[in-house]
Amino acid sequence: DIIPQPLLDQYLSMTDPARAQTVDTEIAKHCAYSLPGVALTLGRQNWHCLKDTYETLASDVQWKVRRTLAFSIHELAVILGDQLTAADLVPVFNGFLKDLDEVRIGVLKHLYDFLKLLHADKRREYLYQLQEFVVTDNSRNWRFRYELAEQLILILELYNPNDVYDYLRHIALTLCSDKVSEVRWISFKLVVAILQKFYANNANALGLNFINELVVRFRHCSKWVGRQAFAFICQVGMFSLCVSMCMFN
């Protein structure tokens, strides 16, 4: 009753490999691009009409098709709601996390938007996988690591201080030692955001431990770039009013 059945059938047939070979090699990509709009029009109650098509597109041999879906999976999650997202989108999301960098960047750019839609217990499972984003197919792809640092700044609010200390702190320290200055600079902001997280939640002991680790790792570093990193972290902390003057004593 929402759209004519022949129109829906025509759309669903776009994933047929035979059509891609005889009609248009880009047809599957166009289908993937339009899928969130079709899902919104049909409504979550009619998701069963699109589920098989979505899974077919998510496993398409063309990485551009999978990349298109990766960039919009957070939008689809909003349309479908938490239950359908957990059942049907999370497995696809997990597959994208292990895909090519060209596909992974799609989920990375909207990682916070997707994780915040999950229940806390399901969201916590991804703490173990965030470290994998540090490793890329091409080490020169520094923008990937830059995007990771930006997303982690947002993601901090989704986890408690202990989880941040146990998992996200290690990633932040790794990024602070990146070979690319742009990645290091955004990582200094991430470090300060972690400190803000600790002190805002009265986790003062975790904050002090983290500061001591920064002192050992960067302030007393044998390389000048490490000592420079410590100075920049202090600068960002002072400007954000996260680090008080008494902490420098």
Protein backbone atom coordinates (compact mmCIF):
# COMPACT_ATOMS: atom_id res chain seq x y z
CA ASP A 1 0.00 0.00 0.00
CA ILE A 2 3.02 2.31 0.29
CA ILE A 3 4.53 1.98 -3.16
CA PRO A 4 3.38 -0.05 -6.22
CA GLN A 5 4.56 -3.65 -6.00
CA PRO A 6 6.00 -3.63 -9.57
CA LEU A 7 8.18 -0.65 -8.63
CA LEU A 8 9.51 -2.46 -5.56
CA ASP A 9 10.11 -5.63 -7.60
CA GLN A 10 12.03 -3.58 -10.16
CA TYR A 11 14.24 -2.13 -7.45
CA LEU A 12 14.90 -5.51 -5.84
CA SER A 13 15.89 -6.99 -9.19
CA MET A 14 18.77 -4.52 -9.49
CA THR A 15 21.00 -6.81 -7.43
CA ASP A 16 20.77 -9.57 -10.02
CA PRO A 17 24.36 -10.16 -11.25
CA ALA A 18 23.04 -10.77 -14.77
CA ARG A 19 21.67 -7.23 -14.90
CA ALA A 20 25.00 -5.82 -13.79
CA GLN A 21 26.69 -7.56 -16.71
CA THR A 22 24.14 -6.75 -19.38
CA VAL A 23 22.60 -3.44 -18.30
CA ASP A 24 24.98 -1.39 -16.16
CA THR A 25 28.02 -2.41 -14.11
CA GLU A 26 27.26 0.43 -11.67
CA ILE A 27 23.65 -0.59 -11.08
CA ALA A 28 24.40 -2.36 -7.78
CA LYS A 29 26.18 0.74 -6.48
CA HIS A 30 23.17 2.92 -7.35
CA CYS A 31 20.92 0.41 -5.63
CA ALA A 32 23.09 0.52 -2.50
CA TYR A 33 23.08 4.31 -2.52
CA SER A 34 19.28 4.44 -2.66
CA LEU A 35 18.60 1.70 -0.11
CA PRO A 36 18.27 3.90 3.01
CA GLY A 37 15.71 6.04 1.17
CA VAL A 38 13.75 2.97 0.14
CA ALA A 39 13.90 1.63 3.70
CA LEU A 40 12.65 4.95 5.07
CA THR A 41 9.77 4.98 2.59
CA LEU A 42 8.72 1.41 3.40
CA GLY A 43 9.18 1.80 7.15
CA ARG A 44 10.76 -0.62 9.57
CA GLN A 45 7.64 -2.81 9.57
CA ASN A 46 8.43 -3.71 5.95
CA TRP A 47 12.18 -4.24 6.39
CA HIS A 48 11.69 -7.93 5.57
CA CYS A 49 11.12 -6.85 1.96
CA LEU A 50 14.64 -5.39 1.77
CA LYS A 51 16.63 -7.60 4.12
CA ASP A 52 17.78 -10.16 1.53
CA THR A 53 18.65 -7.42 -0.95
CA TYR A 54 20.68 -5.61 1.68
CA GLU A 55 22.64 -8.73 2.58
CA THR A 56 23.29 -9.42 -1.11
CA LEU A 57 24.65 -5.93 -1.61
CA ALA A 58 26.73 -6.15 1.57
CA SER A 59 28.55 -9.17 0.13
CA ASP A 60 28.90 -7.78 -3.40
CA VAL A 61 32.27 -8.47 -5.02
CA GLN A 62 32.63 -4.78 -5.91
CA TRP A 63 34.16 -2.90 -2.99
CA LYS A 64 32.48 0.32 -4.14
CA VAL A 65 29.08 -1.25 -3.43
CA ARG A 66 30.13 -2.35 0.05
CA ARG A 67 31.72 1.05 0.66
CA THR A 68 28.45 2.79 -0.21
CA LEU A 69 26.57 0.69 2.34
CA ALA A 70 29.28 1.23 4.95
CA PHE A 71 28.86 4.99 4.72
CA SER A 72 25.10 4.77 5.28
CA ILE A 73 24.73 1.92 7.79
CA HIS A 74 24.33 4.38 10.68
CA GLU A 75 21.43 6.07 8.86
CA LEU A 76 19.79 2.71 8.26
CA ALA A 77 20.18 1.88 11.95
CA VAL A 78 18.16 4.98 12.87
CA ILE A 79 15.42 3.91 10.47
CA LEU A 80 15.25 0.31 11.69
CA GLY A 81 15.55 0.84 15.45
CA ASP A 82 17.65 -1.00 18.01
CA GLN A 83 16.13 -4.49 17.71
CA LEU A 84 16.42 -4.82 13.94
CA THR A 85 19.82 -3.15 14.04
CA ALA A 86 21.14 -5.70 16.53
CA ALA A 87 19.68 -8.61 14.56
CA ASP A 88 20.36 -7.62 10.95
CA LEU A 89 22.84 -4.73 10.79
CA VAL A 90 25.40 -5.65 13.44
CA PRO A 91 26.56 -8.78 11.52
CA VAL A 92 26.99 -6.66 8.37
CA PHE A 93 28.76 -3.96 10.39
CA ASN A 94 31.16 -6.56 11.78
CA GLY A 95 31.92 -7.72 8.27
CA PHE A 96 32.71 -4.18 7.15
CA LEU A 97 35.14 -3.80 10.06
CA LYS A 98 37.30 -6.56 8.53
CA ASP A 99 36.98 -5.34 4.93
CA LEU A 100 39.32 -3.24 2.81
CA ASP A 101 40.33 0.18 4.11
CA GLU A 102 38.16 1.74 1.40
CA VAL A 103 35.16 0.07 3.06
CA ARG A 104 36.29 0.37 6.68
CA ILE A 105 36.58 4.13 6.38
CA GLY A 106 32.82 4.24 5.81
CA VAL A 107 32.02 2.72 9.19
CA LEU A 108 34.89 4.59 10.86
CA LYS A 109 33.62 8.03 9.81
CA HIS A 110 30.29 7.32 11.52
CA LEU A 111 31.49 4.93 14.24
CA TYR A 112 30.11 7.08 17.05
CA ASP A 113 26.76 7.50 15.29
CA PHE A 114 26.38 3.72 15.00
CA LEU A 115 27.68 2.68 18.42
CA LYS A 116 25.45 5.12 20.30
CA LEU A 117 22.40 3.34 18.84
CA LEU A 118 23.41 -0.01 20.35
CA HIS A 119 22.60 -1.27 23.82
CA ALA A 120 25.40 -0.83 26.34
CA ASP A 121 26.27 -4.54 26.51
CA LYS A 122 26.50 -4.87 22.72
CA ARG A 123 28.41 -1.60 22.45
CA ARG A 124 30.97 -2.78 24.98
CA GLU A 125 31.92 -5.69 22.73
CA TYR A 126 33.50 -3.25 20.29
CA LEU A 127 36.03 -2.04 22.85
CA TYR A 128 38.17 -5.03 21.90
CA GLN A 129 38.00 -4.20 18.18
CA LEU A 130 38.76 -0.47 18.22
CA GLN A 131 42.48 -1.23 18.42
CA GLU A 132 42.27 -2.86 14.98
CA PHE A 133 41.57 0.53 13.37
CA VAL A 134 45.13 1.60 14.14
CA VAL A 135 46.39 -0.94 11.59
CA THR A 136 45.65 -0.15 7.93
CA ASP A 137 46.36 -1.87 4.63
CA ASN A 138 48.57 1.07 3.70
CA SER A 139 50.58 2.63 6.53
CA ARG A 140 50.75 5.89 4.55
CA ASN A 141 46.98 6.25 4.89
CA TRP A 142 47.37 8.65 7.82
CA ARG A 143 43.90 10.17 7.36
CA PHE A 144 42.46 6.86 8.53
CA ARG A 145 44.24 7.21 11.88
CA TYR A 146 43.28 10.89 12.06
CA GLU A 147 39.63 9.95 11.64
CA LEU A 148 40.00 7.31 14.34
CA ALA A 149 41.26 9.89 16.84
CA GLU A 150 38.39 12.24 15.99
CA GLN A 151 35.83 9.49 16.47
CA LEU A 152 37.36 8.37 19.77
CA ILE A 153 36.92 11.89 21.17
CA LEU A 154 33.18 11.48 20.57
CA ILE A 155 33.06 7.83 21.64
CA LEU A 156 34.45 8.61 25.10
CA GLU A 157 30.98 9.56 26.32
CA LEU A 158 29.66 6.07 25.52
CA TYR A 159 31.94 4.23 27.96
CA ASN A 160 32.71 4.44 31.66
CA PRO A 161 36.09 5.69 32.94
CA ASN A 162 37.40 2.19 33.67
CA ASP A 163 36.73 1.03 30.11
CA VAL A 164 38.33 4.19 28.75
CA TYR A 165 41.42 3.56 30.87
CA ASP A 166 41.68 -0.13 30.01
CA TYR A 167 41.09 0.12 26.26
CA LEU A 168 40.96 3.59 24.72
CA ARG A 169 43.94 4.95 26.63
CA HIS A 170 46.31 2.57 24.84
CA ILE A 171 45.03 3.65 21.43
CA ALA A 172 45.44 7.31 22.32
CA LEU A 173 49.05 6.81 23.42
CA THR A 174 49.84 4.93 20.22
CA LEU A 175 48.37 7.70 18.07
CA CYS A 176 50.33 10.34 20.01
CA SER A 177 53.51 8.72 18.67
CA ASP A 178 52.33 8.60 15.07
CA LYS A 179 54.81 9.56 12.34
CA VAL A 180 52.42 12.16 10.92
CA SER A 181 52.14 15.45 12.83
CA GLU A 182 48.45 15.95 11.95
CA VAL A 183 47.61 12.62 13.59
CA ARG A 184 49.69 13.46 16.64
CA TRP A 185 48.01 16.84 17.08
CA ILE A 186 44.46 15.48 17.03
CA SER A 187 45.65 12.71 19.38
CA PHE A 188 46.81 15.31 21.91
CA LYS A 189 43.23 16.57 21.98
CA LEU A 190 42.09 12.97 22.50
CA VAL A 191 44.45 12.57 25.47
CA VAL A 192 43.10 15.74 27.07
CA ALA A 193 39.52 14.59 26.41
CA ILE A 194 40.34 11.36 28.25
CA LEU A 195 41.65 13.34 31.21
CA GLN A 196 38.46 15.41 31.18
CA LYS A 197 36.47 12.17 31.19
CA PHE A 198 38.27 10.93 34.29
CA TYR A 199 37.99 14.10 36.33
CA ALA A 200 34.41 14.83 35.28
CA ASN A 201 33.43 11.41 36.62
CA ASN A 202 35.47 11.73 39.83
CA ALA A 203 37.89 9.03 38.67
CA ASN A 204 40.80 11.05 40.02
CA ALA A 205 43.01 8.03 40.61
CA LEU A 206 42.73 7.02 36.95
CA GLY A 207 43.45 10.59 35.90
CA LEU A 208 46.58 10.76 38.06
CA ASN A 209 47.81 7.39 36.79
CA PHE A 210 47.32 8.58 33.22
CA ILE A 211 49.19 11.83 33.87
CA ASN A 212 52.09 9.89 35.41
CA GLU A 213 52.15 7.68 32.34
CA LEU A 214 52.28 10.73 30.08
CA VAL A 215 55.18 12.11 32.10
CA VAL A 216 57.16 8.88 31.86
CA ARG A 217 56.37 8.26 28.21
CA PHE A 218 56.75 11.77 26.80
CA ARG A 219 58.24 14.21 29.33
CA HIS A 220 61.25 11.94 29.91
CA CYS A 221 61.42 10.67 26.33
CA SER A 222 64.94 10.47 24.90
CA LYS A 223 63.69 11.89 21.58
CA TRP A 224 62.79 15.56 21.22
CA VAL A 225 59.53 14.75 19.42
CA GLY A 226 58.31 12.94 22.54
CA ARG A 227 59.15 15.89 24.80
CA GLN A 228 57.49 18.21 22.29
CA ALA A 229 54.38 16.02 22.43
CA PHE A 230 54.26 16.47 26.21
CA ALA A 231 54.45 20.25 25.82
CA PHE A 232 51.62 20.24 23.31
CA ILE A 233 49.47 18.02 25.55
CA CYS A 234 49.99 20.49 28.40
CA GLN A 235 49.11 23.37 26.08
CA VAL A 236 45.86 21.74 24.97
CA GLY A 237 45.06 20.85 28.58
CA MET A 238 45.59 24.39 29.77
CA PHE A 239 43.45 25.92 27.03
CA SER A 240 40.63 23.46 27.73
CA LEU A 241 40.90 24.14 31.50
CA CYS A 242 41.31 20.42 32.03
CA VAL A 243 44.77 20.63 33.59
CA SER A 244 45.12 23.03 36.53
CA MET A 245 48.33 24.84 37.36
CA CYS A 246 48.82 22.77 40.50
CA MET A 247 49.29 19.65 38.38
CA PHE A 248 52.54 21.09 37.03
CA ASN A 249 54.13 21.09 40.51
